[in-house]
Amino acid sequence: MTIRPQFFLVLALPSPGSWLLSATLSLLAFLLLVLPCMAVAEEGHLPREEQSSQPWHLGVHTISHGGFTRRFRLHLPDAAANPESRSLIFAFHGWGGDEHEFLGSSEVQRALAGKNYIVIAPAGLGTEEANDHRSSWSFRGSATGLDGDGVNPSVEGDTALICDPASTPDYTYPSCRGQAANPCGWTHCLADDIDFVVALLQAAKRQLAFDANRVFAVGGSNGGMLVWDLAANPKSAPHFRAFASLIGLPHRGYSQAPSQDLAKPMLLITGGRDPAVPPGPWGDHQFTTTQNGESYFYTSASAITASWAVALGCDTSAPESMIDFGQDVLECRSWQHCHGSIHGPVILDCRASQMSHEYQLGLTWPLIIRFFEQFR
């Protein structure tokens, strides 16, 4: 909040008819014109989102952050609902997507109908680059091309890269030239996406009425990879109640979960036939490799969820158990005796054995909403 300076002018006026009275009145008129302009000029130095006085409404909006004009689409629930009880979901698109990827889906709109959720779907950066690169979200390793555990001398042929450059195209964005350590990077280096998300949330708090203790994040593919960073970063994690990643996994070596006091509930949904971000077999903690003609390395689904289970205080001495959600397409597993698991599991590893690198939102979005609702 910025408080404009207040100016008070007290003048002792000379007697009527004197030349001093005329000069004093002229000075007073000048000050009354100039001082308000000084206050307005000071406000002009604020970020654009601070200056906005127009209320946010249903549709697409822009906000200035980090020198870029960022777009986001806004979904608002029924106006009759209690504004103070509304929850907020951030929805992050995949590589090359935009703000319409989730909210443009009829399956998502049907699942939101009658629900008391605000949804903010921002667009990533990339089209601002030379040659109009794909919109993307940067997360650990994706811009530098470096994995999280370096070279393991006990593994023959191991490298510190997130890909095998011999079989992977060079997608390095122009903004990453000089920052990328190798040709494996594939997202932008224009801005800090964690900072942007936190700034967008703060702007939402100024513009919208919702319960700040019920803020959630979901992402698909590249957006789902960003979600793991949002959940692990101490700058962003405290602002959220729970997270969901849809066909998105961290790169190899980035399986570290946050500390127990920072860890939040997490849902992971992957496809058993996903060639782009393969989850790996159940119980396998080895990294996985893309099977689509490229060779990117990812943390396996079992490794990242087991790490999260430890941070959430689950009993990982026994294997995960099946969780029945009343349908047979998604197989979901979790651990027992986790902290905060009053209304349901706080860590959930769900896999559709026949699903490829796709969202199948008619199947997955209702589960995402159901997972979030246990923390409302």
Protein backbone atom coordinates (compact mmCIF):
# COMPACT_ATOMS: atom_id res chain seq x y z
CA MET A 1 0.00 0.00 0.00
CA THR A 2 1.28 3.46 -0.89
CA ILE A 3 0.12 6.48 1.06
CA ARG A 4 0.22 9.70 -0.87
CA PRO A 5 1.90 12.61 0.92
CA GLN A 6 -0.55 15.12 2.34
CA PHE A 7 0.24 18.83 2.07
CA PHE A 8 -1.13 21.50 4.37
CA LEU A 9 -0.54 25.20 3.71
CA VAL A 10 -1.19 27.85 6.32
CA LEU A 11 -0.83 31.47 5.19
CA ALA A 12 -1.26 34.70 7.10
CA LEU A 13 -2.83 37.00 4.52
CA PRO A 14 -1.87 40.72 4.38
CA SER A 15 -4.44 43.48 4.48
CA PRO A 16 -6.80 43.88 1.51
CA GLY A 17 -5.61 46.04 -1.37
CA SER A 18 -1.88 45.56 -0.71
CA TRP A 19 0.50 44.31 -3.43
CA LEU A 20 1.61 41.56 -1.01
CA LEU A 21 -1.91 40.12 -0.91
CA SER A 22 -1.94 39.84 -4.69
CA ALA A 23 1.43 38.07 -4.75
CA THR A 24 0.39 35.71 -1.96
CA LEU A 25 -2.80 34.69 -3.74
CA SER A 26 -0.83 34.04 -6.93
CA LEU A 27 1.61 31.82 -5.00
CA LEU A 28 -1.28 29.92 -3.40
CA ALA A 29 -2.88 29.28 -6.79
CA PHE A 30 0.44 27.99 -8.15
CA LEU A 31 0.93 25.59 -5.23
CA LEU A 32 -2.60 24.24 -5.51
CA LEU A 33 -1.86 23.31 -9.14
CA VAL A 34 1.64 21.90 -8.67
CA LEU A 35 1.37 19.83 -5.46
CA PRO A 36 -1.26 17.35 -6.73
CA CYS A 37 0.86 16.78 -9.84
CA MET A 38 3.84 15.97 -7.64
CA ALA A 39 1.81 13.30 -5.86
CA VAL A 40 0.61 11.80 -9.15
CA ALA A 41 4.17 11.75 -10.52
CA GLU A 42 5.31 9.80 -7.48
CA GLU A 43 2.59 7.21 -8.03
CA GLY A 44 3.75 6.82 -11.62
CA HIS A 45 6.93 5.11 -10.38
CA LEU A 46 4.93 2.20 -8.93
CA PRO A 47 4.64 -1.12 -10.80
CA ARG A 48 1.70 -1.16 -13.15
CA GLU A 49 -0.18 -3.70 -11.06
CA GLU A 50 -0.03 -1.27 -8.12
CA GLN A 51 -1.58 1.48 -10.23
CA SER A 52 -4.52 -0.58 -11.48
CA SER A 53 -7.83 0.65 -10.15
CA GLN A 54 -10.06 -1.28 -12.56
CA PRO A 55 -11.71 -4.33 -10.97
CA TRP A 56 -10.83 -7.69 -12.45
CA HIS A 57 -13.68 -9.38 -14.28
CA LEU A 58 -14.27 -12.58 -16.24
CA GLY A 59 -11.90 -12.82 -19.21
CA VAL A 60 -8.31 -12.00 -20.18
CA HIS A 61 -6.25 -9.39 -18.34
CA THR A 62 -2.68 -8.09 -18.44
CA ILE A 63 -0.31 -7.17 -15.66
CA SER A 64 3.16 -5.64 -15.81
CA HIS A 65 5.94 -7.52 -14.07
CA GLY A 66 9.69 -7.65 -14.56
CA GLY A 67 9.54 -5.40 -17.59
CA PHE A 68 7.03 -7.60 -19.43
CA THR A 69 3.30 -7.35 -19.97
CA ARG A 70 1.95 -10.70 -18.78
CA ARG A 71 -1.44 -12.13 -19.75
CA PHE A 72 -3.79 -14.21 -17.63
CA ARG A 73 -7.33 -15.47 -17.96
CA LEU A 74 -9.71 -15.18 -15.04
CA HIS A 75 -12.64 -17.43 -14.15
CA LEU A 76 -15.05 -16.23 -11.47
CA PRO A 77 -17.67 -18.36 -9.72
CA ASP A 78 -21.33 -17.47 -9.28
CA ALA A 79 -21.62 -13.90 -8.03
CA ALA A 80 -24.18 -15.05 -5.45
CA ALA A 81 -21.55 -17.15 -3.65
CA ASN A 82 -19.99 -15.76 -0.50
CA PRO A 83 -16.87 -13.95 -1.76
CA GLU A 84 -14.95 -14.51 1.47
CA SER A 85 -15.36 -18.29 1.19
CA ARG A 86 -14.07 -18.56 -2.39
CA SER A 87 -10.92 -20.55 -3.09
CA LEU A 88 -8.32 -19.63 -5.71
CA ILE A 89 -6.66 -21.99 -8.18
CA PHE A 90 -3.67 -21.07 -10.32
CA ALA A 91 -3.56 -23.14 -13.53
CA PHE A 92 -0.29 -23.29 -15.50
CA HIS A 93 -0.26 -24.42 -19.13
CA GLY A 94 2.23 -26.72 -20.84
CA TRP A 95 5.09 -25.85 -23.20
CA GLY A 96 3.74 -23.80 -26.08
CA GLY A 97 0.34 -23.36 -24.44
CA ASP A 98 -1.41 -20.22 -23.28
CA GLU A 99 -3.92 -18.85 -20.79
CA HIS A 100 -6.79 -20.71 -22.50
CA GLU A 101 -5.34 -24.22 -22.21
CA PHE A 102 -7.33 -25.14 -19.10
CA LEU A 103 -10.15 -22.58 -18.98
CA GLY A 104 -10.88 -23.08 -22.67
CA SER A 105 -11.78 -26.71 -21.93
CA SER A 106 -15.46 -27.62 -21.69
CA GLU A 107 -14.55 -30.41 -19.23
CA VAL A 108 -12.92 -27.90 -16.90
CA GLN A 109 -15.83 -25.49 -17.20
CA ARG A 110 -18.34 -28.25 -16.38
CA ALA A 111 -16.30 -29.33 -13.34
CA LEU A 112 -16.14 -25.73 -12.11
CA ALA A 113 -19.85 -25.13 -12.52
CA GLY A 114 -21.46 -24.62 -9.15
CA LYS A 115 -18.09 -24.65 -7.40
CA ASN A 116 -16.84 -21.70 -5.39
CA TYR A 117 -13.48 -21.44 -7.17
CA ILE A 118 -11.70 -18.51 -8.76
CA VAL A 119 -9.22 -19.68 -11.41
CA ILE A 120 -6.29 -17.61 -12.65
CA ALA A 121 -4.56 -19.08 -15.72
CA PRO A 122 -1.45 -17.06 -16.63
CA ALA A 123 0.62 -17.33 -19.80
CA GLY A 124 4.32 -18.14 -19.68
CA LEU A 125 7.11 -16.30 -21.48
CA GLY A 126 8.75 -17.18 -24.78
CA THR A 127 6.89 -15.48 -27.58
CA GLU A 128 8.73 -12.31 -26.51
CA GLU A 129 11.97 -13.97 -27.63
CA ALA A 130 13.58 -13.56 -31.04
CA ASN A 131 11.92 -15.82 -33.64
CA ASP A 132 8.81 -16.18 -31.45
CA HIS A 133 9.74 -19.10 -29.21
CA ARG A 134 7.15 -21.22 -27.43
CA SER A 135 5.62 -19.95 -24.19
CA SER A 136 7.25 -21.74 -21.29
CA TRP A 137 7.80 -21.87 -17.54
CA SER A 138 11.35 -22.14 -16.21
CA PHE A 139 12.02 -24.55 -13.35
CA ARG A 140 15.09 -26.15 -11.84
CA GLY A 141 17.45 -27.32 -14.59
CA SER A 142 15.20 -26.45 -17.53
CA ALA A 143 17.09 -23.30 -18.53
CA THR A 144 20.66 -24.21 -17.52
CA GLY A 145 20.47 -27.77 -18.81
CA LEU A 146 22.06 -29.08 -15.60
CA ASP A 147 20.57 -31.88 -13.51
CA GLY A 148 20.31 -31.76 -9.74
CA ASP A 149 22.84 -34.38 -8.68
CA GLY A 150 25.85 -33.80 -10.92
CA VAL A 151 28.08 -36.62 -12.13
CA ASN A 152 27.68 -39.84 -10.17
CA PRO A 153 31.06 -41.63 -10.40
CA SER A 154 29.44 -44.95 -9.50
CA VAL A 155 27.25 -44.80 -12.63
CA GLU A 156 29.05 -45.56 -15.87
CA GLY A 157 28.68 -42.79 -18.42
CA ASP A 158 26.73 -40.51 -16.05
CA THR A 159 26.67 -36.80 -16.82
CA ALA A 160 25.47 -33.61 -15.12
CA LEU A 161 23.05 -32.85 -17.98
CA ILE A 162 19.26 -33.07 -18.13
CA CYS A 163 19.47 -34.65 -21.60
CA ASP A 164 21.67 -36.53 -24.03
CA PRO A 165 22.64 -33.83 -26.58
CA ALA A 166 23.48 -36.48 -29.17
CA SER A 167 19.80 -37.40 -29.55
CA THR A 168 18.09 -34.20 -28.39
CA PRO A 169 17.55 -31.02 -30.45
CA ASP A 170 18.97 -27.75 -29.16
CA TYR A 171 15.95 -25.73 -27.99
CA THR A 172 18.02 -23.09 -26.15
CA TYR A 173 16.10 -19.80 -26.01
CA PRO A 174 17.96 -16.62 -27.05
CA SER A 175 17.56 -15.20 -23.53
CA CYS A 176 19.51 -18.17 -22.17
CA ARG A 177 22.60 -17.68 -24.33
CA GLY A 178 25.39 -17.18 -21.82
CA GLN A 179 23.38 -18.82 -19.01
CA ALA A 180 22.81 -22.28 -20.43
CA ALA A 181 25.66 -24.62 -19.56
CA ASN A 182 24.91 -26.96 -22.49
CA PRO A 183 22.37 -27.37 -25.34
CA CYS A 184 19.83 -29.22 -23.16
CA GLY A 185 17.92 -26.15 -21.89
CA TRP A 186 14.43 -25.71 -23.31
CA THR A 187 12.69 -22.87 -21.42
CA HIS A 188 13.11 -19.08 -21.23
CA CYS A 189 15.52 -17.01 -19.12
CA LEU A 190 13.58 -13.75 -19.34
CA ALA A 191 12.28 -13.54 -15.75
CA ASP A 192 11.89 -15.44 -12.48
CA ASP A 193 8.61 -17.33 -12.74
CA ILE A 194 8.43 -17.92 -8.99
CA ASP A 195 8.59 -14.17 -8.38
CA PHE A 196 5.94 -13.59 -11.05
CA VAL A 197 3.50 -16.07 -9.51
CA VAL A 198 3.92 -14.54 -6.04
CA ALA A 199 3.41 -11.04 -7.50
CA LEU A 200 0.30 -12.17 -9.37
CA LEU A 201 -1.11 -13.67 -6.17
CA GLN A 202 -0.51 -10.41 -4.31
CA ALA A 203 -2.28 -8.51 -7.08
CA ALA A 204 -5.19 -10.96 -6.85
CA LYS A 205 -5.47 -10.28 -3.13
CA ARG A 206 -5.89 -6.59 -3.88
CA GLN A 207 -8.45 -7.12 -6.64
CA LEU A 208 -10.51 -10.12 -5.54
CA ALA A 209 -12.21 -11.44 -2.41
CA PHE A 210 -11.21 -15.01 -1.52
CA ASP A 211 -9.90 -17.07 1.37
CA ALA A 212 -6.12 -16.57 1.34
CA ASN A 213 -5.73 -19.85 3.24
CA ARG A 214 -7.25 -21.79 0.33
CA VAL A 215 -4.97 -21.04 -2.61
CA PHE A 216 -4.04 -23.97 -4.87
CA ALA A 217 -1.85 -24.56 -7.92
CA VAL A 218 -2.17 -27.05 -10.76
CA GLY A 219 -0.06 -27.35 -13.88
CA GLY A 220 0.09 -29.53 -16.96
CA SER A 221 3.33 -30.89 -18.45
CA ASN A 222 5.80 -27.94 -18.33
CA GLY A 223 3.32 -26.16 -16.04
CA GLY A 224 3.24 -29.24 -13.82
CA MET A 225 7.03 -29.11 -13.61
CA LEU A 226 6.78 -25.49 -12.43
CA VAL A 227 4.32 -26.64 -9.73
CA TRP A 228 7.02 -28.81 -8.10
CA ASP A 229 9.24 -25.71 -7.86
CA LEU A 230 6.40 -23.61 -6.45
CA ALA A 231 5.84 -26.29 -3.82
CA ALA A 232 9.54 -26.55 -2.91
CA ASN A 233 10.56 -22.88 -2.98
CA PRO A 234 10.30 -21.07 0.39
CA LYS A 235 9.32 -17.86 -1.45
CA SER A 236 6.17 -19.42 -2.87
CA ALA A 237 5.23 -22.57 -0.93
CA PRO A 238 3.84 -20.77 2.17
CA HIS A 239 1.25 -19.00 0.01
CA PHE A 240 -0.42 -22.25 -1.14
CA ARG A 241 -2.55 -24.91 0.55
CA ALA A 242 -1.98 -27.79 -1.90
CA PHE A 243 -0.60 -28.59 -5.34
CA ALA A 244 -1.32 -30.86 -8.30
CA SER A 245 0.97 -31.80 -11.18
CA LEU A 246 -0.53 -33.32 -14.33
CA ILE A 247 1.97 -35.24 -16.51
CA GLY A 248 4.78 -33.06 -15.15
CA LEU A 249 7.88 -34.27 -13.29
CA PRO A 250 11.12 -32.58 -12.16
CA HIS A 251 14.30 -33.18 -14.12
CA ARG A 252 16.76 -35.79 -12.93
CA GLY A 253 18.29 -35.12 -9.52
CA TYR A 254 15.63 -32.66 -8.35
CA SER A 255 13.66 -35.02 -6.12
CA GLN A 256 14.36 -33.14 -2.89
CA ALA A 257 11.17 -32.23 -1.05
CA PRO A 258 10.95 -29.18 1.21
CA SER A 259 11.33 -29.39 4.97
CA GLN A 260 8.43 -30.76 7.02
CA ASP A 261 7.35 -27.31 8.15
CA LEU A 262 7.11 -26.18 4.52
CA ALA A 263 5.79 -29.30 2.75
CA LYS A 264 2.24 -29.09 1.41
CA PRO A 265 -0.12 -31.77 0.03
CA MET A 266 0.64 -32.91 -3.51
CA LEU A 267 -1.26 -34.83 -6.19
CA LEU A 268 0.63 -36.31 -9.14
CA ILE A 269 -1.18 -37.70 -12.20
CA THR A 270 0.84 -39.36 -14.96
CA GLY A 271 0.25 -41.57 -17.99
CA GLY A 272 1.65 -45.08 -18.22
CA ARG A 273 2.18 -44.65 -21.96
CA ASP A 274 3.63 -41.15 -21.80
CA PRO A 275 6.71 -41.03 -24.10
CA ALA A 276 7.56 -37.39 -23.27
CA VAL A 277 7.57 -37.50 -19.44
CA PRO A 278 7.45 -41.20 -18.52
CA PRO A 279 6.67 -41.90 -14.84
CA GLY A 280 8.63 -45.17 -14.72
CA PRO A 281 7.41 -48.42 -13.13
CA TRP A 282 5.75 -48.45 -9.71
CA GLY A 283 8.40 -48.51 -6.99
CA ASP A 284 11.28 -47.67 -9.34
CA HIS A 285 13.32 -44.69 -8.09
CA GLN A 286 15.71 -44.58 -11.05
CA PHE A 287 15.42 -41.61 -13.38
CA THR A 288 13.39 -41.98 -16.56
CA THR A 289 14.20 -41.01 -20.15
CA THR A 290 11.87 -39.66 -22.82
CA GLN A 291 10.87 -42.15 -25.51
CA ASN A 292 9.75 -39.76 -28.25
CA GLY A 293 12.97 -39.46 -30.27
CA GLU A 294 14.57 -37.14 -27.73
CA SER A 295 16.47 -38.01 -24.56
CA TYR A 296 15.49 -35.85 -21.59
CA PHE A 297 15.98 -37.23 -18.08
CA TYR A 298 13.31 -36.92 -15.36
CA THR A 299 12.86 -37.91 -11.74
CA SER A 300 10.54 -40.92 -11.58
CA ALA A 301 7.02 -40.64 -10.18
CA SER A 302 7.82 -43.08 -7.37
CA ALA A 303 10.97 -41.19 -6.37
CA ILE A 304 9.41 -37.74 -6.15
CA THR A 305 6.24 -38.87 -4.36
CA ALA A 306 8.24 -40.95 -1.86
CA SER A 307 10.41 -37.92 -1.11
CA TRP A 308 7.29 -35.82 -0.59
CA ALA A 309 5.76 -38.51 1.63
CA VAL A 310 8.77 -38.29 3.97
CA ALA A 311 8.42 -34.50 4.16
CA LEU A 312 4.72 -34.88 4.96
CA GLY A 313 5.50 -37.22 7.84
CA CYS A 314 4.08 -40.37 6.23
CA ASP A 315 5.11 -43.83 7.32
CA THR A 316 7.25 -44.91 4.35
CA SER A 317 8.53 -48.06 6.06
CA ALA A 318 5.68 -49.88 4.33
CA PRO A 319 4.83 -49.63 0.62
CA GLU A 320 2.03 -47.42 -0.64
CA SER A 321 -1.53 -48.69 -0.49
CA MET A 322 -4.27 -48.40 -3.06
CA ILE A 323 -6.78 -45.56 -2.74
CA ASP A 324 -10.23 -46.26 -4.20
CA PHE A 325 -11.82 -43.31 -6.00
CA GLY A 326 -14.67 -45.32 -7.49
CA GLN A 327 -13.25 -45.63 -11.02
CA ASP A 328 -10.83 -48.05 -12.64
CA VAL A 329 -8.96 -45.84 -15.13
CA LEU A 330 -6.66 -44.14 -12.63
CA GLU A 331 -4.74 -46.26 -10.16
CA CYS A 332 -3.92 -44.14 -7.11
CA ARG A 333 -1.59 -44.99 -4.26
CA SER A 334 -0.54 -43.27 -1.04
CA TRP A 335 1.11 -43.87 2.33
CA GLN A 336 -0.38 -44.17 5.81
CA HIS A 337 -0.19 -41.97 8.92
CA CYS A 338 0.75 -38.76 7.11
CA HIS A 339 0.49 -35.41 8.86
CA GLY A 340 -2.75 -33.61 8.07
CA SER A 341 -4.47 -36.54 6.39
CA ILE A 342 -7.78 -36.00 8.17
CA HIS A 343 -10.13 -35.91 5.19
CA GLY A 344 -8.04 -37.84 2.70
CA PRO A 345 -4.49 -38.53 1.46
CA VAL A 346 -2.04 -35.61 1.47
CA ILE A 347 0.28 -37.24 -1.07
CA LEU A 348 -1.23 -39.09 -4.00
CA ASP A 349 0.46 -40.87 -6.92
CA CYS A 350 -2.14 -41.57 -9.61
CA ARG A 351 -1.45 -43.21 -12.97
CA ALA A 352 -3.61 -44.00 -15.97
CA SER A 353 -1.98 -47.04 -17.54
CA GLN A 354 -3.28 -46.30 -21.05
CA MET A 355 -2.80 -42.52 -21.01
CA SER A 356 -0.09 -40.87 -23.12
CA HIS A 357 1.24 -37.31 -22.81
CA GLU A 358 -2.23 -35.82 -22.62
CA TYR A 359 -4.47 -34.19 -20.04
CA GLN A 360 -7.72 -36.15 -20.46
CA LEU A 361 -9.37 -33.40 -18.43
CA GLY A 362 -12.72 -35.17 -18.30
CA LEU A 363 -10.95 -37.79 -16.18
CA THR A 364 -8.24 -35.83 -14.39
CA TRP A 365 -9.78 -32.44 -13.57
CA PRO A 366 -12.58 -33.80 -11.33
CA LEU A 367 -9.92 -35.70 -9.35
CA ILE A 368 -7.84 -32.53 -9.02
CA ILE A 369 -10.86 -30.62 -7.69
CA ARG A 370 -11.73 -33.48 -5.35
CA PHE A 371 -8.16 -33.49 -4.00
CA PHE A 372 -8.21 -29.74 -3.38
CA GLU A 373 -11.64 -29.78 -1.74
CA GLN A 374 -10.45 -31.90 1.18
CA PHE A 375 -8.28 -28.91 2.20
CA ARG A 376 -11.04 -26.28 1.97
